[in-house]
Amino acid sequence: MIDKVIMRLIKDNKVTILLALFGFTYLLWQAPIRYILEGVLLTDFRSFYFAGRSILNEGNIYDHNSLIAYADGSGYSGYVFPYVYPPLLAFYSAPLWHLLDGREATLLWMLLSIVLGVFILVAVTHLASALFNQKTKGKNTVLPWLSLFLFVVLPFGNNLRLGQVNIVVLAFISASLVLSLLYNRDLPAGCLLAPGILIKMTPLVLLPYFVLNKHYKMLYGCVMGIMALSMPTLVTSHGLKTWGFFLDFADTMGYGKTIPGLPDVASVPNFSVAGWAARLTVSQSTISFVTQIVLALLGLGLLWQHWRLRQNSQGKLLLLPYLILMIIASPFTYLHHIIYIYPGLLLTIWAVWDGCCRLRVPLLFCLISLTIIASIDLPAMYKDVDLQMTILSSLNLYALLCLFGIGLIVPNLCIMVKE
C-alpha cells in the first residue's frame, strides 16, 4: 500500500521531482566542496561564523578589529569582513557554531544553502504556474525549464562560493510569497517574512507589495514574527547591549559612507544607486542627496502604478520592480544580491510568455538579455577596458533599472487569468 502511494506521488509530481533533481545537481556542481574539505572558510561565511562564536563571549560583533582579533585568537589568520547584519543571525547560530569547527560549520552551511536553493526553485516555479492560466498545457510544460534556465543564469553559484546568506533570506521570501499569494495564509506568511527582515532588513521593501495586493494580515504576521524572534535576544543584558551596538553601527551605513573593513562605497563592484552616485561625485552629502532623490522617484513611480492596479490581480505582477528596488536601495549592492529578483523575474517573463501579452517577442528578448547582463560579473572586467570610475562602470545597475521599467509596464500589457 505504501509503495503504491509513493509511486502515485512520484507520478503526479514527476516534473517537480525532475526539476528539483536538476537544481540540486547544478548547485552541487557549483558548490566549492573540495575547498571546504581542505579547511577553507568561505569569504563571507567567515563573518557569520566568527560573529556567532564571538557573541557568546559578550564581544562587540560590530567592532571590526574585535572580530578580527577573535578570529586570530581562534587560530584563523585570514581576513574577516565586518559583520553588517542585525544580531539575530549571530544569536541563533551561536550555539551551533560553538559546537562545530570551521570546516564542519562551512559544510553544514553549504548543505543548507543547497537544500534551500532547491526549495526556492520549486516554490517559485509553483508560484508562477498557479498564478496563471492552466488551459494551455503545452505552454506550461515550458515553465519548469524556463525557471531552471533563469536559476542557472542568476548568480546562485556565486552565492555558494562566497558562503553568502542571500539564499537563506530568499527562501523565506519565496515561502511567504507562496503562502500569501496562492493560499491566502497571510499570518504565517508574515511570520516567514519576519526572519528574512531580521537577517537582512531590506525585505521590508516588500511590505507595501503585500498591502496593496490586499494581503493586510501579512503586516500582523510580520510584526508577530519579528517580536517572537527578537524577544529571546533581548532577555539578557548582553543582548540589549548588542542591539545597541547594531544601532550605533547602522549610523555608519548611510548613503555615501564607507564601512570600515569593506571596500570603498565608490568601488566598481558596488553597483547600488549610492555606488553609482559615489563614482560621479566625492561629496558624501551629494551622494546621499542624489541617492535619496533617485530612490524616491523609483519608489513613488512604483507605488503609483501599484495604486492604479490595486483593484485587480495585475498588481501581483509588480513583484519584479519591488525586488529590484529592494536590492539597489541598499548602500552596497554586489553581484550576489541579483538572485533576489528571481521570483519576480519568473512571474514577469511567464506573464509575457503565457499571458496574452502584446509585444511578446521584443519583451522576452529584452527581459532575458537584461537578465544575462545583470548577472555577469562586469565589474571584474572594467579594469581591462579602462571603465573604472566613469558613468559606464554601472552596467549591472542600468540593466536592473531597465528590468524595473519593463516590470512596471508588463501588468498593462499582459493578462493574468487568476483573479
Protein backbone atom coordinates (compact mmCIF):
# COMPACT_ATOMS: atom_id res chain seq x y z
CA MET A 1 0.00 0.00 0.00
CA ILE A 2 2.76 2.44 0.96
CA ASP A 3 4.62 1.57 -2.25
CA LYS A 4 1.52 2.43 -4.30
CA VAL A 5 1.12 5.76 -2.53
CA ILE A 6 4.78 6.63 -3.13
CA MET A 7 4.53 5.67 -6.81
CA ARG A 8 1.37 7.78 -7.18
CA LEU A 9 3.10 10.78 -5.62
CA ILE A 10 6.07 10.34 -7.93
CA LYS A 11 3.79 10.04 -10.96
CA ASP A 12 1.77 13.14 -10.03
CA ASN A 13 4.87 15.20 -9.26
CA LYS A 14 7.44 13.81 -11.67
CA VAL A 15 8.15 17.19 -13.28
CA THR A 16 8.69 18.78 -9.86
CA ILE A 17 10.96 15.92 -8.80
CA LEU A 18 12.93 16.16 -12.04
CA LEU A 19 13.22 19.93 -11.64
CA ALA A 20 14.44 19.54 -8.06
CA LEU A 21 16.96 16.91 -9.16
CA PHE A 22 18.37 19.17 -11.88
CA GLY A 23 18.52 22.08 -9.45
CA PHE A 24 20.27 20.02 -6.80
CA THR A 25 22.79 18.71 -9.34
CA TYR A 26 23.55 22.21 -10.60
CA LEU A 27 24.03 23.65 -7.10
CA LEU A 28 26.18 20.71 -6.05
CA TRP A 29 28.34 21.28 -9.13
CA GLN A 30 28.68 24.98 -8.24
CA ALA A 31 29.45 24.36 -4.55
CA PRO A 32 33.16 24.60 -3.59
CA ILE A 33 33.08 21.28 -1.73
CA ARG A 34 36.75 20.45 -2.38
CA TYR A 35 37.95 23.72 -0.86
CA ILE A 36 35.69 23.26 2.15
CA LEU A 37 37.06 19.77 2.76
CA GLU A 38 40.55 21.26 2.63
CA GLY A 39 39.55 23.53 5.51
CA VAL A 40 38.93 26.76 3.58
CA LEU A 41 36.47 29.13 5.29
CA LEU A 42 34.40 30.76 2.55
CA THR A 43 34.88 34.52 2.21
CA ASP A 44 31.58 35.85 3.54
CA PHE A 45 30.76 32.91 5.78
CA ARG A 46 33.75 33.85 7.95
CA SER A 47 31.84 36.90 9.20
CA PHE A 48 28.76 34.86 10.16
CA TYR A 49 30.83 32.13 11.78
CA PHE A 50 33.08 34.30 13.93
CA ALA A 51 30.28 36.74 14.81
CA GLY A 52 28.23 33.80 16.08
CA ARG A 53 31.10 32.41 18.11
CA SER A 54 32.11 35.84 19.41
CA ILE A 55 28.67 36.90 20.57
CA LEU A 56 28.54 34.25 23.31
CA ASN A 57 31.79 35.69 24.66
CA GLU A 58 29.99 39.03 25.03
CA GLY A 59 32.14 40.74 22.43
CA ASN A 60 31.07 43.59 20.17
CA ILE A 61 30.46 41.82 16.87
CA TYR A 62 30.19 45.19 15.09
CA ASP A 63 33.71 46.23 16.06
CA HIS A 64 35.71 45.01 13.08
CA ASN A 65 39.01 44.98 14.96
CA SER A 66 37.48 42.92 17.77
CA LEU A 67 36.07 40.43 15.27
CA ILE A 68 39.45 40.03 13.59
CA ALA A 69 41.13 39.65 16.99
CA TYR A 70 38.65 36.93 17.94
CA ALA A 71 39.32 35.10 14.66
CA ASP A 72 43.07 35.36 15.27
CA GLY A 73 42.60 34.01 18.78
CA SER A 74 40.67 31.07 17.31
CA GLY A 75 43.66 30.21 15.12
CA TYR A 76 42.36 31.70 11.88
CA SER A 77 44.79 34.04 10.14
CA GLY A 78 42.77 35.00 7.05
CA TYR A 79 40.89 38.24 6.50
CA VAL A 80 37.42 38.52 8.05
CA PHE A 81 34.98 41.07 6.67
CA PRO A 82 32.86 43.06 9.14
CA TYR A 83 29.52 41.69 10.30
CA VAL A 84 26.94 44.10 8.85
CA TYR A 85 23.61 42.45 9.71
CA PRO A 86 21.20 42.70 12.65
CA PRO A 87 22.20 40.50 15.62
CA LEU A 88 19.53 37.83 15.04
CA LEU A 89 21.58 35.53 12.80
CA ALA A 90 24.59 35.68 15.13
CA PHE A 91 22.45 34.97 18.21
CA TYR A 92 20.61 31.96 16.83
CA SER A 93 23.61 30.41 15.10
CA ALA A 94 25.97 30.92 18.06
CA PRO A 95 25.32 27.62 19.91
CA LEU A 96 25.75 25.63 16.70
CA TRP A 97 28.96 27.37 15.62
CA HIS A 98 30.44 26.75 19.07
CA LEU A 99 29.88 23.02 18.61
CA LEU A 100 31.42 22.85 15.12
CA ASP A 101 34.86 23.68 13.83
CA GLY A 102 35.24 25.83 10.73
CA ARG A 103 35.16 23.01 8.20
CA GLU A 104 32.12 21.31 9.75
CA ALA A 105 30.26 24.61 10.03
CA THR A 106 31.00 25.53 6.42
CA LEU A 107 29.86 22.12 5.17
CA LEU A 108 26.61 22.44 7.12
CA TRP A 109 26.08 25.95 5.77
CA MET A 110 26.71 24.72 2.24
CA LEU A 111 24.25 21.84 2.62
CA LEU A 112 21.61 24.21 4.00
CA SER A 113 22.17 26.62 1.10
CA ILE A 114 21.84 23.85 -1.49
CA VAL A 115 18.64 22.46 0.05
CA LEU A 116 17.10 25.93 0.32
CA GLY A 117 18.21 26.70 -3.24
CA VAL A 118 16.26 23.67 -4.48
CA PHE A 119 13.28 24.78 -2.39
CA ILE A 120 13.41 28.25 -3.98
CA LEU A 121 13.49 26.74 -7.48
CA VAL A 122 10.46 24.51 -6.84
CA ALA A 123 8.47 27.08 -4.83
CA VAL A 124 8.91 29.92 -7.32
CA THR A 125 8.05 27.65 -10.26
CA HIS A 126 4.90 26.53 -8.44
CA LEU A 127 4.01 30.16 -7.73
CA ALA A 128 4.26 31.17 -11.39
CA SER A 129 2.35 28.10 -12.57
CA ALA A 130 -0.52 28.57 -10.13
CA LEU A 131 -1.00 32.30 -10.76
CA PHE A 132 -1.56 31.94 -14.50
CA ASN A 133 -3.88 30.25 -16.95
CA GLN A 134 -3.61 26.45 -16.84
CA LYS A 135 -5.53 25.83 -20.07
CA THR A 136 -2.51 25.99 -22.34
CA LYS A 137 -0.97 22.72 -21.19
CA GLY A 138 1.58 22.64 -23.98
CA LYS A 139 2.96 26.01 -22.94
CA ASN A 140 3.01 25.13 -19.27
CA THR A 141 5.44 22.30 -19.91
CA VAL A 142 7.92 25.05 -20.81
CA LEU A 143 7.63 26.78 -17.43
CA PRO A 144 9.84 24.43 -15.34
CA TRP A 145 12.65 24.64 -17.89
CA LEU A 146 12.31 28.40 -18.20
CA SER A 147 12.53 28.58 -14.41
CA LEU A 148 15.60 26.34 -14.39
CA PHE A 149 17.22 28.45 -17.12
CA LEU A 150 16.80 31.64 -15.06
CA PHE A 151 18.01 29.79 -11.96
CA VAL A 152 21.22 28.88 -13.79
CA VAL A 153 21.71 32.35 -15.30
CA LEU A 154 21.31 34.17 -11.98
CA PRO A 155 24.39 34.07 -9.70
CA PHE A 156 23.30 31.34 -7.28
CA GLY A 157 26.69 29.70 -7.77
CA ASN A 158 28.42 32.94 -6.80
CA ASN A 159 26.48 32.92 -3.52
CA LEU A 160 27.57 29.35 -2.80
CA ARG A 161 31.21 30.10 -3.49
CA LEU A 162 31.14 33.08 -1.13
CA GLY A 163 29.12 31.33 1.59
CA GLN A 164 26.57 34.15 1.45
CA VAL A 165 23.29 34.34 3.40
CA ASN A 166 21.17 35.55 0.46
CA ILE A 167 19.84 32.08 -0.39
CA VAL A 168 18.52 31.71 3.16
CA VAL A 169 16.76 35.09 3.02
CA LEU A 170 15.35 34.41 -0.46
CA ALA A 171 13.94 31.09 0.80
CA PHE A 172 11.97 32.97 3.48
CA ILE A 173 10.75 35.48 0.88
CA SER A 174 9.72 32.71 -1.54
CA ALA A 175 7.85 30.79 1.16
CA SER A 176 5.98 33.92 2.24
CA LEU A 177 5.01 34.69 -1.37
CA VAL A 178 3.62 31.20 -1.95
CA LEU A 179 1.67 31.13 1.32
CA SER A 180 0.22 34.60 0.83
CA LEU A 181 -0.44 34.88 -2.91
CA LEU A 182 -1.56 31.30 -3.53
CA TYR A 183 -3.14 30.14 -0.29
CA ASN A 184 -4.12 33.42 1.42
CA ARG A 185 -2.34 32.27 4.57
CA ASP A 186 -1.19 35.78 5.36
CA LEU A 187 -0.43 35.41 9.08
CA PRO A 188 2.02 32.51 8.66
CA ALA A 189 3.36 34.16 5.51
CA GLY A 190 4.14 37.28 7.52
CA CYS A 191 5.81 35.17 10.19
CA LEU A 192 8.01 33.62 7.49
CA LEU A 193 8.98 37.01 6.08
CA ALA A 194 10.00 38.19 9.57
CA PRO A 195 13.28 36.23 9.81
CA GLY A 196 14.25 37.47 6.35
CA ILE A 197 13.78 41.04 7.57
CA LEU A 198 15.67 40.40 10.80
CA ILE A 199 18.58 38.86 8.90
CA LYS A 200 18.84 41.39 6.08
CA MET A 201 16.43 44.33 6.75
CA THR A 202 15.95 45.05 3.03
CA PRO A 203 12.87 42.73 2.65
CA LEU A 204 10.96 45.49 4.47
CA VAL A 205 10.56 46.98 0.98
CA LEU A 206 8.18 44.12 0.13
CA LEU A 207 5.56 45.02 2.75
CA PRO A 208 3.80 47.62 0.52
CA TYR A 209 3.60 44.95 -2.19
CA PHE A 210 1.54 42.70 0.07
CA VAL A 211 -0.57 45.53 1.49
CA LEU A 212 -1.51 46.98 -1.91
CA ASN A 213 -2.40 43.46 -3.05
CA LYS A 214 -4.84 43.38 -0.09
CA HIS A 215 -2.91 40.88 1.99
CA TYR A 216 -3.21 43.06 5.07
CA LYS A 217 -2.70 40.29 7.61
CA MET A 218 0.85 39.93 6.32
CA LEU A 219 1.68 43.01 8.39
CA TYR A 220 0.28 41.46 11.57
CA GLY A 221 2.09 38.19 10.95
CA CYS A 222 5.31 40.01 10.21
CA VAL A 223 5.11 42.08 13.41
CA MET A 224 4.29 38.96 15.43
CA GLY A 225 7.21 37.09 13.88
CA ILE A 226 9.66 39.94 14.49
CA MET A 227 8.58 40.22 18.12
CA ALA A 228 8.72 36.46 18.72
CA LEU A 229 12.18 36.12 17.17
CA SER A 230 13.59 39.25 18.79
CA MET A 231 12.44 38.66 22.36
CA PRO A 232 14.92 35.84 23.15
CA THR A 233 17.76 38.11 22.01
CA LEU A 234 16.65 40.85 24.42
CA VAL A 235 16.32 38.92 27.67
CA THR A 236 19.99 39.25 28.59
CA SER A 237 21.93 42.41 29.27
CA HIS A 238 24.42 41.50 26.55
CA GLY A 239 21.56 41.02 24.10
CA LEU A 240 20.34 44.55 24.74
CA LYS A 241 23.90 45.82 24.51
CA THR A 242 24.39 44.08 21.15
CA TRP A 243 21.27 45.68 19.71
CA GLY A 244 22.71 48.99 20.92
CA PHE A 245 25.96 48.18 19.12
CA PHE A 246 23.95 47.45 15.97
CA LEU A 247 22.07 50.76 16.13
CA ASP A 248 25.36 52.61 16.57
CA PHE A 249 26.82 50.67 13.66
CA ALA A 250 23.79 51.50 11.48
CA ASP A 251 24.85 55.15 11.59
CA THR A 252 27.94 54.20 9.58
CA MET A 253 25.83 52.63 6.82
CA GLY A 254 24.38 55.82 5.37
CA TYR A 255 24.49 56.52 1.66
CA GLY A 256 27.96 57.55 0.57
CA LYS A 257 29.67 56.26 3.70
CA THR A 258 32.33 53.56 3.57
CA ILE A 259 32.03 50.88 6.25
CA PRO A 260 35.37 50.14 7.95
CA GLY A 261 36.67 46.82 6.64
CA LEU A 262 34.65 46.89 3.41
CA PRO A 263 35.74 48.24 0.00
CA ASP A 264 35.10 51.92 -0.64
CA VAL A 265 31.50 52.78 -1.48
CA ALA A 266 32.71 54.06 -4.88
CA SER A 267 34.46 50.78 -5.76
CA VAL A 268 33.16 49.32 -9.02
CA PRO A 269 31.86 46.02 -7.58
CA ASN A 270 29.23 48.12 -5.76
CA PHE A 271 26.50 48.89 -8.32
CA SER A 272 23.87 50.24 -5.94
CA VAL A 273 22.41 53.67 -6.67
CA ALA A 274 24.69 55.01 -3.92
CA GLY A 275 27.71 53.34 -5.53
CA TRP A 276 26.81 54.84 -8.90
CA ALA A 277 26.48 58.30 -7.34
CA ALA A 278 29.75 57.89 -5.43
CA ARG A 279 31.65 57.26 -8.67
CA LEU A 280 30.34 60.53 -10.08
CA THR A 281 30.99 62.78 -7.08
CA VAL A 282 33.19 62.78 -3.98
CA SER A 283 30.89 64.71 -1.65
CA GLN A 284 29.16 62.42 0.84
CA SER A 285 26.24 64.82 1.23
CA THR A 286 25.78 64.98 -2.55
CA ILE A 287 25.92 61.19 -2.83
CA SER A 288 23.27 60.87 -0.12
CA PHE A 289 21.04 63.53 -1.71
CA VAL A 290 21.24 62.11 -5.24
CA THR A 291 20.66 58.56 -3.99
CA GLN A 292 17.59 59.53 -1.98
CA ILE A 293 16.12 61.51 -4.89
CA VAL A 294 16.61 58.64 -7.37
CA LEU A 295 15.19 56.04 -4.97
CA ALA A 296 12.27 58.30 -4.06
CA LEU A 297 11.37 58.74 -7.73
CA LEU A 298 11.58 54.99 -8.37
CA GLY A 299 9.59 54.18 -5.24
CA LEU A 300 6.86 56.76 -5.91
CA GLY A 301 6.54 55.61 -9.51
CA LEU A 302 6.16 52.02 -8.36
CA LEU A 303 3.60 52.87 -5.67
CA TRP A 304 1.60 55.00 -8.13
CA GLN A 305 1.46 52.17 -10.66
CA HIS A 306 0.51 49.68 -7.96
CA TRP A 307 -2.22 52.01 -6.66
CA ARG A 308 -3.70 52.10 -10.18
CA LEU A 309 -3.75 48.29 -10.29
CA ARG A 310 -4.92 47.70 -6.72
CA GLN A 311 -8.42 46.58 -7.72
CA ASN A 312 -7.30 43.52 -9.69
CA SER A 313 -4.72 40.76 -9.64
CA GLN A 314 -2.45 42.53 -12.11
CA GLY A 315 -0.74 44.21 -9.16
CA LYS A 316 0.84 40.87 -8.31
CA LEU A 317 2.93 41.22 -11.46
CA LEU A 318 4.77 44.18 -9.91
CA LEU A 319 6.88 41.87 -7.77
CA LEU A 320 9.95 42.34 -10.00
CA PRO A 321 10.20 46.14 -9.53
CA TYR A 322 9.78 45.73 -5.77
CA LEU A 323 12.61 43.19 -5.62
CA ILE A 324 14.88 45.35 -7.76
CA LEU A 325 14.18 48.38 -5.59
CA MET A 326 14.90 46.22 -2.55
CA ILE A 327 18.45 45.44 -3.67
CA ILE A 328 19.50 48.73 -5.25
CA ALA A 329 18.20 50.76 -2.27
CA SER A 330 20.91 49.22 -0.11
CA PRO A 331 24.11 51.30 0.23
CA PHE A 332 26.01 48.30 -1.14
CA THR A 333 24.77 46.09 -3.98
CA TYR A 334 27.03 43.33 -5.28
CA LEU A 335 26.64 40.59 -7.86
CA HIS A 336 25.47 38.02 -5.33
CA HIS A 337 22.41 40.17 -4.49
CA ILE A 338 20.99 39.72 -8.00
CA ILE A 339 19.39 36.38 -7.06
CA TYR A 340 16.67 38.24 -5.17
CA ILE A 341 14.97 39.19 -8.43
CA TYR A 342 14.32 35.52 -9.29
CA PRO A 343 10.66 35.21 -8.11
CA GLY A 344 9.60 38.48 -9.73
CA LEU A 345 11.62 37.81 -12.86
CA LEU A 346 9.97 34.44 -13.46
CA LEU A 347 6.49 35.91 -12.87
CA THR A 348 7.19 38.74 -15.32
CA ILE A 349 8.69 36.56 -18.05
CA TRP A 350 5.92 33.98 -17.70
CA ALA A 351 3.30 36.75 -17.85
CA VAL A 352 4.80 37.85 -21.16
CA TRP A 353 5.11 34.26 -22.40
CA ASP A 354 1.73 32.91 -21.32
CA GLY A 355 -0.45 35.93 -20.55
CA CYS A 356 -1.73 37.06 -23.97
CA CYS A 357 0.88 39.80 -23.90
CA ARG A 358 1.30 42.40 -26.61
CA LEU A 359 4.88 42.94 -27.82
CA ARG A 360 5.67 39.42 -26.63
CA VAL A 361 8.79 38.73 -28.69
CA PRO A 362 10.66 42.02 -28.10
CA LEU A 363 9.78 41.96 -24.40
CA LEU A 364 11.04 38.41 -23.98
CA PHE A 365 14.25 39.29 -25.81
CA CYS A 366 14.81 42.35 -23.62
CA LEU A 367 13.97 40.58 -20.35
CA ILE A 368 16.30 37.65 -20.98
CA SER A 369 19.12 39.80 -22.40
CA LEU A 370 18.97 42.26 -19.50
CA THR A 371 18.91 39.39 -17.00
CA ILE A 372 22.08 37.95 -18.52
CA ILE A 373 23.79 41.37 -18.44
CA ALA A 374 22.76 41.99 -14.82
CA SER A 375 24.07 38.55 -13.80
CA ILE A 376 27.54 38.86 -15.36
CA ASP A 377 30.43 39.97 -13.15
CA LEU A 378 31.02 43.05 -15.29
CA PRO A 379 32.89 44.99 -12.55
CA ALA A 380 35.70 42.43 -12.83
CA MET A 381 36.12 43.43 -16.49
CA TYR A 382 36.12 47.22 -16.12
CA LYS A 383 39.81 47.44 -15.26
CA ASP A 384 40.79 45.71 -18.50
CA VAL A 385 38.82 48.19 -20.63
CA ASP A 386 39.54 51.28 -18.50
CA LEU A 387 35.94 51.92 -17.45
CA GLN A 388 36.58 52.39 -13.74
CA MET A 389 35.10 55.46 -12.04
CA THR A 390 33.05 56.51 -15.08
CA ILE A 391 29.34 56.59 -15.81
CA LEU A 392 29.81 53.34 -17.77
CA SER A 393 31.01 51.44 -14.68
CA SER A 394 27.45 50.66 -13.54
CA LEU A 395 26.18 48.47 -16.39
CA ASN A 396 24.67 45.94 -13.97
CA LEU A 397 22.67 48.76 -12.37
CA TYR A 398 21.47 50.03 -15.75
CA ALA A 399 20.31 46.52 -16.66
CA LEU A 400 18.39 46.32 -13.37
CA LEU A 401 16.80 49.72 -13.96
CA CYS A 402 15.68 48.61 -17.44
CA LEU A 403 14.17 45.48 -15.89
CA PHE A 404 12.49 47.73 -13.33
CA GLY A 405 10.91 49.79 -16.12
CA ILE A 406 9.73 46.73 -18.04
CA GLY A 407 8.34 45.28 -14.81
CA LEU A 408 6.25 48.44 -14.36
CA ILE A 409 4.58 48.24 -17.77
CA VAL A 410 4.09 44.47 -18.10
CA PRO A 411 0.88 44.45 -15.98
CA ASN A 412 -0.69 46.85 -18.50
CA LEU A 413 0.29 44.64 -21.43
CA CYS A 414 -0.45 41.15 -20.13
CA ILE A 415 -3.49 39.32 -18.83
CA MET A 416 -3.24 37.27 -15.65
CA VAL A 417 -6.18 34.88 -15.62
CA LYS A 418 -6.44 34.03 -11.92
CA GLU A 419 -8.45 36.78 -10.18
